[in-house]
Amino acid sequence: MLWRAGYDSLEASSPEEALRICSEQTQPIGLLLTDVLMPEMNGYDLAERVRAVRPEVKVLFMSGYTDRALLESTGRELAEAPLVRKPFTQHKLISQIAEALGAQPDGA
């Protein structure tokens, strides 16, 4: 879906793999798209650790949980964090990514 919209993407199956990719990747990384709630580490903590290595990275969170459930699970308010709610359409995701990057999506 992201490739068809003109974005290159790197995939990680866990937060630890995402951190490894961020530290090893030589090309710029513009955006971290991550779920808020994951088994090993929540998305907020992942974003903080990614930004410690790559401070320029924008972050877009995704979740199907309510704000209250996210607060109870992570202890953090959503505040100004960009969030796309599940389920989402391709158009919605691409629009949110473009907004997070400060650009207009191609063909979306």
PDB file of N, CA and C in Angstrom:
ATOM      1  N   MET A   1       0.819  -1.188   0.000  1.00  0.00           N
ATOM      2  CA  MET A   1       0.000   0.000   0.000  1.00  0.00           C
ATOM      3  C   MET A   1       0.870   1.262   0.000  1.00  0.00           C
ATOM      4  N   LEU A   2       1.889   1.290   0.837  1.00  0.00           N
ATOM      5  CA  LEU A   2       2.752   2.464   0.911  1.00  0.00           C
ATOM      6  C   LEU A   2       3.586   2.627  -0.357  1.00  0.00           C
ATOM      7  N   TRP A   3       4.071   1.519  -0.873  1.00  0.00           N
ATOM      8  CA  TRP A   3       4.865   1.550  -2.099  1.00  0.00           C
ATOM      9  C   TRP A   3       4.035   2.108  -3.256  1.00  0.00           C
ATOM     10  N   ARG A   4       2.784   1.646  -3.376  1.00  0.00           N
ATOM     11  CA  ARG A   4       1.908   2.130  -4.452  1.00  0.00           C
ATOM     12  C   ARG A   4       1.643   3.622  -4.331  1.00  0.00           C
ATOM     13  N   ALA A   5       1.696   4.131  -3.114  1.00  0.00           N
ATOM     14  CA  ALA A   5       1.468   5.562  -2.890  1.00  0.00           C
ATOM     15  C   ALA A   5       2.748   6.383  -3.066  1.00  0.00           C
ATOM     16  N   GLY A   6       3.850   5.723  -3.405  1.00  0.00           N
ATOM     17  CA  GLY A   6       5.094   6.432  -3.662  1.00  0.00           C
ATOM     18  C   GLY A   6       6.064   6.488  -2.496  1.00  0.00           C
ATOM     19  N   TYR A   7       5.773   5.741  -1.449  1.00  0.00           N
ATOM     20  CA  TYR A   7       6.658   5.728  -0.282  1.00  0.00           C
ATOM     21  C   TYR A   7       7.504   4.460  -0.270  1.00  0.00           C
ATOM     22  N   ASP A   8       8.777   4.599   0.065  1.00  0.00           N
ATOM     23  CA  ASP A   8       9.613   3.441   0.345  1.00  0.00           C
ATOM     24  C   ASP A   8       9.364   3.096   1.804  1.00  0.00           C
ATOM     25  N   SER A   9       9.407   1.820   2.132  1.00  0.00           N
ATOM     26  CA  SER A   9       9.176   1.452   3.526  1.00  0.00           C
ATOM     27  C   SER A   9      10.124   0.349   3.965  1.00  0.00           C
ATOM     28  N   LEU A  10      10.394   0.356   5.243  1.00  0.00           N
ATOM     29  CA  LEU A  10      11.161  -0.685   5.908  1.00  0.00           C
ATOM     30  C   LEU A  10      10.213  -1.334   6.904  1.00  0.00           C
ATOM     31  N   GLU A  11      10.227  -2.646   6.975  1.00  0.00           N
ATOM     32  CA  GLU A  11       9.318  -3.336   7.876  1.00  0.00           C
ATOM     33  C   GLU A  11      10.069  -3.956   9.029  1.00  0.00           C
ATOM     34  N   ALA A  12       9.441  -3.917  10.196  1.00  0.00           N
ATOM     35  CA  ALA A  12      10.002  -4.562  11.377  1.00  0.00           C
ATOM     36  C   ALA A  12       8.894  -5.350  12.052  1.00  0.00           C
ATOM     37  N   SER A  13       9.221  -6.539  12.528  1.00  0.00           N
ATOM     38  CA  SER A  13       8.213  -7.380  13.169  1.00  0.00           C
ATOM     39  C   SER A  13       8.167  -7.197  14.684  1.00  0.00           C
ATOM     40  N   SER A  14       9.059  -6.343  15.208  1.00  0.00           N
ATOM     41  CA  SER A  14       9.076  -6.084  16.649  1.00  0.00           C
ATOM     42  C   SER A  14       9.722  -4.727  16.896  1.00  0.00           C
ATOM     43  N   PRO A  15       9.492  -4.157  18.063  1.00  0.00           N
ATOM     44  CA  PRO A  15      10.163  -2.895  18.385  1.00  0.00           C
ATOM     45  C   PRO A  15      11.685  -3.016  18.371  1.00  0.00           C
ATOM     46  N   GLU A  16      12.206  -4.125  18.866  1.00  0.00           N
ATOM     47  CA  GLU A  16      13.659  -4.312  18.864  1.00  0.00           C
ATOM     48  C   GLU A  16      14.214  -4.342  17.438  1.00  0.00           C
ATOM     49  N   GLU A  17      13.494  -4.990  16.527  1.00  0.00           N
ATOM     50  CA  GLU A  17      13.933  -5.013  15.136  1.00  0.00           C
ATOM     51  C   GLU A  17      13.871  -3.607  14.533  1.00  0.00           C
ATOM     52  N   ALA A  18      12.840  -2.855  14.873  1.00  0.00           N
ATOM     53  CA  ALA A  18      12.728  -1.481  14.387  1.00  0.00           C
ATOM     54  C   ALA A  18      13.911  -0.645  14.867  1.00  0.00           C
ATOM     55  N   LEU A  19      14.303  -0.804  16.110  1.00  0.00           N
ATOM     56  CA  LEU A  19      15.449  -0.072  16.645  1.00  0.00           C
ATOM     57  C   LEU A  19      16.737  -0.469  15.942  1.00  0.00           C
ATOM     58  N   ARG A  20      16.888  -1.758  15.679  1.00  0.00           N
ATOM     59  CA  ARG A  20      18.073  -2.232  14.967  1.00  0.00           C
ATOM     60  C   ARG A  20      18.134  -1.625  13.573  1.00  0.00           C
ATOM     61  N   ILE A  21      17.006  -1.652  12.868  1.00  0.00           N
ATOM     62  CA  ILE A  21      16.948  -1.088  11.516  1.00  0.00           C
ATOM     63  C   ILE A  21      17.290   0.405  11.543  1.00  0.00           C
ATOM     64  N   CYS A  22      16.744   1.122  12.504  1.00  0.00           N
ATOM     65  CA  CYS A  22      17.004   2.565  12.600  1.00  0.00           C
ATOM     66  C   CYS A  22      18.471   2.861  12.855  1.00  0.00           C
ATOM     67  N   SER A  23      19.117   2.028  13.624  1.00  0.00           N
ATOM     68  CA  SER A  23      20.525   2.282  13.921  1.00  0.00           C
ATOM     69  C   SER A  23      21.445   1.844  12.783  1.00  0.00           C
ATOM     70  N   GLU A  24      21.027   0.855  11.989  1.00  0.00           N
ATOM     71  CA  GLU A  24      21.875   0.333  10.917  1.00  0.00           C
ATOM     72  C   GLU A  24      21.622   0.982   9.557  1.00  0.00           C
ATOM     73  N   GLN A  25      20.437   1.511   9.343  1.00  0.00           N
ATOM     74  CA  GLN A  25      20.054   2.068   8.046  1.00  0.00           C
ATOM     75  C   GLN A  25      20.893   3.295   7.727  1.00  0.00           C
ATOM     76  N   THR A  26      21.464   3.327   6.540  1.00  0.00           N
ATOM     77  CA  THR A  26      22.294   4.467   6.153  1.00  0.00           C
ATOM     78  C   THR A  26      21.482   5.571   5.475  1.00  0.00           C
ATOM     79  N   GLN A  27      20.356   5.232   4.902  1.00  0.00           N
ATOM     80  CA  GLN A  27      19.501   6.214   4.239  1.00  0.00           C
ATOM     81  C   GLN A  27      18.630   6.937   5.276  1.00  0.00           C
ATOM     82  N   PRO A  28      18.176   8.140   4.947  1.00  0.00           N
ATOM     83  CA  PRO A  28      17.285   8.851   5.869  1.00  0.00           C
ATOM     84  C   PRO A  28      15.981   8.076   6.086  1.00  0.00           C
ATOM     85  N   ILE A  29      15.429   8.205   7.260  1.00  0.00           N
ATOM     86  CA  ILE A  29      14.124   7.642   7.591  1.00  0.00           C
ATOM     87  C   ILE A  29      13.245   8.822   7.964  1.00  0.00           C
ATOM     88  N   GLY A  30      12.145   9.001   7.233  1.00  0.00           N
ATOM     89  CA  GLY A  30      11.295  10.158   7.445  1.00  0.00           C
ATOM     90  C   GLY A  30      10.233   9.976   8.502  1.00  0.00           C
ATOM     91  N   LEU A  31       9.744   8.732   8.635  1.00  0.00           N
ATOM     92  CA  LEU A  31       8.576   8.524   9.498  1.00  0.00           C
ATOM     93  C   LEU A  31       8.622   7.150  10.140  1.00  0.00           C
ATOM     94  N   LEU A  32       8.238   7.110  11.399  1.00  0.00           N
ATOM     95  CA  LEU A  32       8.004   5.857  12.106  1.00  0.00           C
ATOM     96  C   LEU A  32       6.499   5.695  12.234  1.00  0.00           C
ATOM     97  N   LEU A  33       5.953   4.641  11.629  1.00  0.00           N
ATOM     98  CA  LEU A  33       4.540   4.296  11.768  1.00  0.00           C
ATOM     99  C   LEU A  33       4.488   3.120  12.714  1.00  0.00           C
ATOM    100  N   THR A  34       3.894   3.306  13.877  1.00  0.00           N
ATOM    101  CA  THR A  34       3.892   2.255  14.882  1.00  0.00           C
ATOM    102  C   THR A  34       2.565   2.176  15.616  1.00  0.00           C
ATOM    103  N   ASP A  35       2.227   0.971  16.010  1.00  0.00           N
ATOM    104  CA  ASP A  35       1.066   0.773  16.859  1.00  0.00           C
ATOM    105  C   ASP A  35       1.407   1.323  18.235  1.00  0.00           C
ATOM    106  N   VAL A  36       0.409   1.763  18.967  1.00  0.00           N
ATOM    107  CA  VAL A  36       0.654   2.258  20.318  1.00  0.00           C
ATOM    108  C   VAL A  36       0.889   1.091  21.269  1.00  0.00           C
ATOM    109  N   LEU A  37       0.032   0.076  21.192  1.00  0.00           N
ATOM    110  CA  LEU A  37       0.146  -1.050  22.112  1.00  0.00           C
ATOM    111  C   LEU A  37       0.727  -2.259  21.400  1.00  0.00           C
ATOM    112  N   MET A  38       1.873  -2.706  21.903  1.00  0.00           N
ATOM    113  CA  MET A  38       2.554  -3.886  21.372  1.00  0.00           C
ATOM    114  C   MET A  38       3.040  -4.702  22.558  1.00  0.00           C
ATOM    115  N   PRO A  39       3.291  -5.999  22.359  1.00  0.00           N
ATOM    116  CA  PRO A  39       3.691  -6.848  23.484  1.00  0.00           C
ATOM    117  C   PRO A  39       4.997  -6.449  24.180  1.00  0.00           C
ATOM    118  N   GLU A  40       6.053  -6.156  23.436  1.00  0.00           N
ATOM    119  CA  GLU A  40       7.357  -5.946  24.053  1.00  0.00           C
ATOM    120  C   GLU A  40       7.582  -4.528  24.568  1.00  0.00           C
ATOM    121  N   MET A  41       7.001  -3.547  23.874  1.00  0.00           N
ATOM    122  CA  MET A  41       7.265  -2.147  24.186  1.00  0.00           C
ATOM    123  C   MET A  41       6.130  -1.329  23.585  1.00  0.00           C
ATOM    124  N   ASN A  42       5.665  -0.299  24.277  1.00  0.00           N
ATOM    125  CA  ASN A  42       4.602   0.493  23.660  1.00  0.00           C
ATOM    126  C   ASN A  42       5.205   1.448  22.629  1.00  0.00           C
ATOM    127  N   GLY A  43       4.348   1.931  21.754  1.00  0.00           N
ATOM    128  CA  GLY A  43       4.793   2.784  20.657  1.00  0.00           C
ATOM    129  C   GLY A  43       5.421   4.087  21.109  1.00  0.00           C
ATOM    130  N   TYR A  44       4.962   4.634  22.246  1.00  0.00           N
ATOM    131  CA  TYR A  44       5.541   5.872  22.758  1.00  0.00           C
ATOM    132  C   TYR A  44       7.010   5.661  23.133  1.00  0.00           C
ATOM    133  N   ASP A  45       7.281   4.547  23.818  1.00  0.00           N
ATOM    134  CA  ASP A  45       8.661   4.253  24.207  1.00  0.00           C
ATOM    135  C   ASP A  45       9.524   3.974  22.978  1.00  0.00           C
ATOM    136  N   LEU A  46       8.957   3.257  22.006  1.00  0.00           N
ATOM    137  CA  LEU A  46       9.689   3.003  20.767  1.00  0.00           C
ATOM    138  C   LEU A  46      10.035   4.324  20.081  1.00  0.00           C
ATOM    139  N   ALA A  47       9.073   5.217  19.984  1.00  0.00           N
ATOM    140  CA  ALA A  47       9.309   6.507  19.331  1.00  0.00           C
ATOM    141  C   ALA A  47      10.421   7.286  20.036  1.00  0.00           C
ATOM    142  N   GLU A  48      10.425   7.281  21.355  1.00  0.00           N
ATOM    143  CA  GLU A  48      11.472   7.975  22.102  1.00  0.00           C
ATOM    144  C   GLU A  48      12.848   7.379  21.798  1.00  0.00           C
ATOM    145  N   ARG A  49      12.910   6.064  21.744  1.00  0.00           N
ATOM    146  CA  ARG A  49      14.199   5.403  21.489  1.00  0.00           C
ATOM    147  C   ARG A  49      14.661   5.625  20.047  1.00  0.00           C
ATOM    148  N   VAL A  50      13.721   5.623  19.103  1.00  0.00           N
ATOM    149  CA  VAL A  50      14.079   5.906  17.707  1.00  0.00           C
ATOM    150  C   VAL A  50      14.586   7.335  17.586  1.00  0.00           C
ATOM    151  N   ARG A  51      13.901   8.266  18.226  1.00  0.00           N
ATOM    152  CA  ARG A  51      14.312   9.670  18.141  1.00  0.00           C
ATOM    153  C   ARG A  51      15.643   9.931  18.842  1.00  0.00           C
ATOM    154  N   ALA A  52      16.024   9.087  19.773  1.00  0.00           N
ATOM    155  CA  ALA A  52      17.343   9.230  20.401  1.00  0.00           C
ATOM    156  C   ALA A  52      18.448   8.962  19.379  1.00  0.00           C
ATOM    157  N   VAL A  53      18.156   8.080  18.417  1.00  0.00           N
ATOM    158  CA  VAL A  53      19.117   7.740  17.365  1.00  0.00           C
ATOM    159  C   VAL A  53      18.927   8.632  16.146  1.00  0.00           C
ATOM    160  N   ARG A  54      17.669   8.948  15.853  1.00  0.00           N
ATOM    161  CA  ARG A  54      17.316   9.739  14.667  1.00  0.00           C
ATOM    162  C   ARG A  54      16.309  10.822  15.070  1.00  0.00           C
ATOM    163  N   PRO A  55      16.794  11.928  15.588  1.00  0.00           N
ATOM    164  CA  PRO A  55      15.891  12.966  16.102  1.00  0.00           C
ATOM    165  C   PRO A  55      14.972  13.592  15.050  1.00  0.00           C
ATOM    166  N   GLU A  56      15.318  13.470  13.784  1.00  0.00           N
ATOM    167  CA  GLU A  56      14.519  14.070  12.711  1.00  0.00           C
ATOM    168  C   GLU A  56      13.279  13.252  12.347  1.00  0.00           C
ATOM    169  N   VAL A  57      13.171  12.035  12.823  1.00  0.00           N
ATOM    170  CA  VAL A  57      12.084  11.137  12.431  1.00  0.00           C
ATOM    171  C   VAL A  57      10.746  11.641  12.966  1.00  0.00           C
ATOM    172  N   LYS A  58       9.782  11.739  12.061  1.00  0.00           N
ATOM    173  CA  LYS A  58       8.402  12.041  12.437  1.00  0.00           C
ATOM    174  C   LYS A  58       7.757  10.733  12.889  1.00  0.00           C
ATOM    175  N   VAL A  59       6.686  10.839  13.671  1.00  0.00           N
ATOM    176  CA  VAL A  59       6.030   9.642  14.189  1.00  0.00           C
ATOM    177  C   VAL A  59       4.533   9.731  13.929  1.00  0.00           C
ATOM    178  N   LEU A  60       3.965   8.622  13.475  1.00  0.00           N
ATOM    179  CA  LEU A  60       2.525   8.472  13.345  1.00  0.00           C
ATOM    180  C   LEU A  60       2.142   7.195  14.075  1.00  0.00           C
ATOM    181  N   PHE A  61       1.303   7.349  15.083  1.00  0.00           N
ATOM    182  CA  PHE A  61       0.834   6.206  15.842  1.00  0.00           C
ATOM    183  C   PHE A  61      -0.462   5.691  15.229  1.00  0.00           C
ATOM    184  N   MET A  62      -0.728   4.418  15.450  1.00  0.00           N
ATOM    185  CA  MET A  62      -2.011   3.845  15.048  1.00  0.00           C
ATOM    186  C   MET A  62      -2.530   2.991  16.198  1.00  0.00           C
ATOM    187  N   SER A  63      -3.859   2.951  16.316  1.00  0.00           N
ATOM    188  CA  SER A  63      -4.457   2.151  17.381  1.00  0.00           C
ATOM    189  C   SER A  63      -5.939   1.963  17.127  1.00  0.00           C
ATOM    190  N   GLY A  64      -6.430   0.840  17.600  1.00  0.00           N
ATOM    191  CA  GLY A  64      -7.861   0.569  17.574  1.00  0.00           C
ATOM    192  C   GLY A  64      -8.483   0.729  18.953  1.00  0.00           C
ATOM    193  N   TYR A  65      -7.663   1.108  19.927  1.00  0.00           N
ATOM    194  CA  TYR A  65      -8.135   1.262  21.302  1.00  0.00           C
ATOM    195  C   TYR A  65      -8.648   2.667  21.560  1.00  0.00           C
ATOM    196  N   THR A  66      -9.466   2.816  22.580  1.00  0.00           N
ATOM    197  CA  THR A  66      -9.970   4.132  22.977  1.00  0.00           C
ATOM    198  C   THR A  66      -8.857   4.916  23.670  1.00  0.00           C
ATOM    199  N   ASP A  67      -9.039   6.219  23.759  1.00  0.00           N
ATOM    200  CA  ASP A  67      -8.064   7.059  24.455  1.00  0.00           C
ATOM    201  C   ASP A  67      -7.881   6.592  25.893  1.00  0.00           C
ATOM    202  N   ARG A  68      -8.971   6.220  26.536  1.00  0.00           N
ATOM    203  CA  ARG A  68      -8.910   5.772  27.929  1.00  0.00           C
ATOM    204  C   ARG A  68      -8.084   4.482  28.058  1.00  0.00           C
ATOM    205  N   ALA A  69      -8.318   3.538  27.160  1.00  0.00           N
ATOM    206  CA  ALA A  69      -7.565   2.280  27.195  1.00  0.00           C
ATOM    207  C   ALA A  69      -6.078   2.526  26.945  1.00  0.00           C
ATOM    208  N   LEU A  70      -5.766   3.437  26.052  1.00  0.00           N
ATOM    209  CA  LEU A  70      -4.365   3.764  25.784  1.00  0.00           C
ATOM    210  C   LEU A  70      -3.718   4.403  27.010  1.00  0.00           C
ATOM    211  N   LEU A  71      -4.440   5.303  27.666  1.00  0.00           N
ATOM    212  CA  LEU A  71      -3.927   5.950  28.869  1.00  0.00           C
ATOM    213  C   LEU A  71      -3.692   4.913  29.968  1.00  0.00           C
ATOM    214  N   GLU A  72      -4.649   4.015  30.150  1.00  0.00           N
ATOM    215  CA  GLU A  72      -4.519   2.987  31.184  1.00  0.00           C
ATOM    216  C   GLU A  72      -3.365   2.031  30.887  1.00  0.00           C
ATOM    217  N   SER A  73      -3.139   1.725  29.627  1.00  0.00           N
ATOM    218  CA  SER A  73      -2.086   0.767  29.251  1.00  0.00           C
ATOM    219  C   SER A  73      -0.694   1.374  29.234  1.00  0.00           C
ATOM    220  N   THR A  74      -0.611   2.657  28.872  1.00  0.00           N
ATOM    221  CA  THR A  74       0.711   3.274  28.721  1.00  0.00           C
ATOM    222  C   THR A  74       1.020   4.304  29.795  1.00  0.00           C
ATOM    223  N   GLY A  75      -0.017   4.796  30.457  1.00  0.00           N
ATOM    224  CA  GLY A  75       0.177   5.859  31.433  1.00  0.00           C
ATOM    225  C   GLY A  75       0.422   7.211  30.796  1.00  0.00           C
ATOM    226  N   ARG A  76       0.135   7.334  29.512  1.00  0.00           N
ATOM    227  CA  ARG A  76       0.390   8.582  28.794  1.00  0.00           C
ATOM    228  C   ARG A  76      -0.865   9.066  28.082  1.00  0.00           C
ATOM    229  N   GLU A  77      -1.024  10.369  28.073  1.00  0.00           N
ATOM    230  CA  GLU A  77      -2.089  11.010  27.307  1.00  0.00           C
ATOM    231  C   GLU A  77      -1.676  11.057  25.840  1.00  0.00           C
ATOM    232  N   LEU A  78      -2.654  11.057  24.957  1.00  0.00           N
ATOM    233  CA  LEU A  78      -2.341  11.170  23.534  1.00  0.00           C
ATOM    234  C   LEU A  78      -1.769  12.534  23.193  1.00  0.00           C
ATOM    235  N   ALA A  79      -2.258  13.559  23.862  1.00  0.00           N
ATOM    236  CA  ALA A  79      -1.792  14.931  23.671  1.00  0.00           C
ATOM    237  C   ALA A  79      -1.768  15.293  22.192  1.00  0.00           C
ATOM    238  N   GLU A  80      -0.619  15.682  21.706  1.00  0.00           N
ATOM    239  CA  GLU A  80      -0.498  16.146  20.322  1.00  0.00           C
ATOM    240  C   GLU A  80       0.010  15.063  19.388  1.00  0.00           C
ATOM    241  N   ALA A  81       0.109  13.849  19.850  1.00  0.00           N
ATOM    242  CA  ALA A  81       0.651  12.766  19.020  1.00  0.00           C
ATOM    243  C   ALA A  81      -0.281  12.478  17.852  1.00  0.00           C
ATOM    244  N   PRO A  82       0.241  12.499  16.619  1.00  0.00           N
ATOM    245  CA  PRO A  82      -0.584  12.143  15.467  1.00  0.00           C
ATOM    246  C   PRO A  82      -0.996  10.671  15.577  1.00  0.00           C
ATOM    247  N   LEU A  83      -2.283  10.427  15.407  1.00  0.00           N
ATOM    248  CA  LEU A  83      -2.824   9.079  15.585  1.00  0.00           C
ATOM    249  C   LEU A  83      -3.837   8.786  14.498  1.00  0.00           C
ATOM    250  N   VAL A  84      -3.686   7.638  13.854  1.00  0.00           N
ATOM    251  CA  VAL A  84      -4.679   7.157  12.898  1.00  0.00           C
ATOM    252  C   VAL A  84      -5.400   5.995  13.591  1.00  0.00           C
ATOM    253  N   ARG A  85      -6.714   6.064  13.575  1.00  0.00           N
ATOM    254  CA  ARG A  85      -7.541   5.077  14.263  1.00  0.00           C
ATOM    255  C   ARG A  85      -7.843   3.888  13.361  1.00  0.00           C
ATOM    256  N   LYS A  86      -7.700   2.691  13.935  1.00  0.00           N
ATOM    257  CA  LYS A  86      -8.075   1.459  13.235  1.00  0.00           C
ATOM    258  C   LYS A  86      -9.558   1.214  13.449  1.00  0.00           C
ATOM    259  N   PRO A  87     -10.222   0.639  12.519  1.00  0.00           N
ATOM    260  CA  PRO A  87      -9.746   0.329  11.172  1.00  0.00           C
ATOM    261  C   PRO A  87      -9.680   1.607  10.340  1.00  0.00           C
ATOM    262  N   PHE A  88      -8.738   1.652   9.416  1.00  0.00           N
ATOM    263  CA  PHE A  88      -8.608   2.814   8.552  1.00  0.00           C
ATOM    264  C   PHE A  88      -8.558   2.356   7.100  1.00  0.00           C
ATOM    265  N   THR A  89      -8.899   3.265   6.223  1.00  0.00           N
ATOM    266  CA  THR A  89      -8.829   2.986   4.794  1.00  0.00           C
ATOM    267  C   THR A  89      -7.425   3.328   4.296  1.00  0.00           C
ATOM    268  N   GLN A  90      -7.101   2.858   3.123  1.00  0.00           N
ATOM    269  CA  GLN A  90      -5.825   3.192   2.503  1.00  0.00           C
ATOM    270  C   GLN A  90      -5.708   4.700   2.347  1.00  0.00           C
ATOM    271  N   HIS A  91      -6.769   5.317   1.881  1.00  0.00           N
ATOM    272  CA  HIS A  91      -6.757   6.766   1.681  1.00  0.00           C
ATOM    273  C   HIS A  91      -6.486   7.493   2.995  1.00  0.00           C
ATOM    274  N   LYS A  92      -7.127   7.078   4.069  1.00  0.00           N
ATOM    275  CA  LYS A  92      -6.938   7.726   5.369  1.00  0.00           C
ATOM    276  C   LYS A  92      -5.495   7.577   5.841  1.00  0.00           C
ATOM    277  N   LEU A  93      -4.930   6.374   5.728  1.00  0.00           N
ATOM    278  CA  LEU A  93      -3.553   6.156   6.164  1.00  0.00           C
ATOM    279  C   LEU A  93      -2.581   7.006   5.361  1.00  0.00           C
ATOM    280  N   ILE A  94      -2.716   6.992   4.056  1.00  0.00           N
ATOM    281  CA  ILE A  94      -1.807   7.756   3.200  1.00  0.00           C
ATOM    282  C   ILE A  94      -1.938   9.251   3.484  1.00  0.00           C
ATOM    283  N   SER A  95      -3.152   9.726   3.706  1.00  0.00           N
ATOM    284  CA  SER A  95      -3.365  11.139   4.044  1.00  0.00           C
ATOM    285  C   SER A  95      -2.701  11.499   5.368  1.00  0.00           C
ATOM    286  N   GLN A  96      -2.837  10.629   6.352  1.00  0.00           N
ATOM    287  CA  GLN A  96      -2.231  10.876   7.662  1.00  0.00           C
ATOM    288  C   GLN A  96      -0.705  10.860   7.575  1.00  0.00           C
ATOM    289  N   ILE A  97      -0.160   9.951   6.787  1.00  0.00           N
ATOM    290  CA  ILE A  97       1.290   9.902   6.595  1.00  0.00           C
ATOM    291  C   ILE A  97       1.771  11.195   5.940  1.00  0.00           C
ATOM    292  N   ALA A  98       1.091  11.611   4.886  1.00  0.00           N
ATOM    293  CA  ALA A  98       1.468  12.844   4.197  1.00  0.00           C
ATOM    294  C   ALA A  98       1.398  14.038   5.141  1.00  0.00           C
ATOM    295  N   GLU A  99       0.365  14.083   5.952  1.00  0.00           N
ATOM    296  CA  GLU A  99       0.221  15.177   6.915  1.00  0.00           C
ATOM    297  C   GLU A  99       1.360  15.153   7.933  1.00  0.00           C
ATOM    298  N   ALA A 100       1.682  13.974   8.438  1.00  0.00           N
ATOM    299  CA  ALA A 100       2.775  13.847   9.423  1.00  0.00           C
ATOM    300  C   ALA A 100       4.108  14.275   8.814  1.00  0.00           C
ATOM    301  N   LEU A 101       4.288  14.004   7.524  1.00  0.00           N
ATOM    302  CA  LEU A 101       5.525  14.381   6.839  1.00  0.00           C
ATOM    303  C   LEU A 101       5.496  15.818   6.333  1.00  0.00           C
ATOM    304  N   GLY A 102       4.328  16.455   6.428  1.00  0.00           N
ATOM    305  CA  GLY A 102       4.213  17.821   5.950  1.00  0.00           C
ATOM    306  C   GLY A 102       4.148  17.927   4.444  1.00  0.00           C
ATOM    307  N   ALA A 103       3.613  16.884   3.786  1.00  0.00           N
ATOM    308  CA  ALA A 103       3.536  16.852   2.321  1.00  0.00           C
ATOM    309  C   ALA A 103       2.153  16.402   1.884  1.00  0.00           C
ATOM    310  N   GLN A 104       1.913  16.511   0.603  1.00  0.00           N
ATOM    311  CA  GLN A 104       0.681  15.999   0.020  1.00  0.00           C
ATOM    312  C   GLN A 104       0.966  14.659  -0.613  1.00  0.00           C
ATOM    313  N   PRO A 105       0.097  13.644  -0.377  1.00  0.00           N
ATOM    314  CA  PRO A 105       0.336  12.315  -0.967  1.00  0.00           C
ATOM    315  C   PRO A 105       0.152  12.349  -2.474  1.00  0.00           C
ATOM    316  N   ASP A 106       0.899  11.506  -3.185  1.00  0.00           N
ATOM    317  CA  ASP A 106       0.732  11.355  -4.630  1.00  0.00           C
ATOM    318  C   ASP A 106      -0.508  10.533  -4.907  1.00  0.00           C
ATOM    319  N   GLY A 107      -1.433  11.090  -5.642  1.00  0.00           N
ATOM    320  CA  GLY A 107      -2.605  10.350  -6.078  1.00  0.00           C
ATOM    321  C   GLY A 107      -3.580   9.986  -4.982  1.00  0.00           C
ATOM    322  N   ALA A 108      -3.464  10.564  -3.819  1.00  0.00           N
ATOM    323  CA  ALA A 108      -4.412  10.229  -2.744  1.00  0.00           C
ATOM    324  C   ALA A 108      -5.403  11.326  -2.544  1.00  0.00           C
TER     325      ALA A 108
END
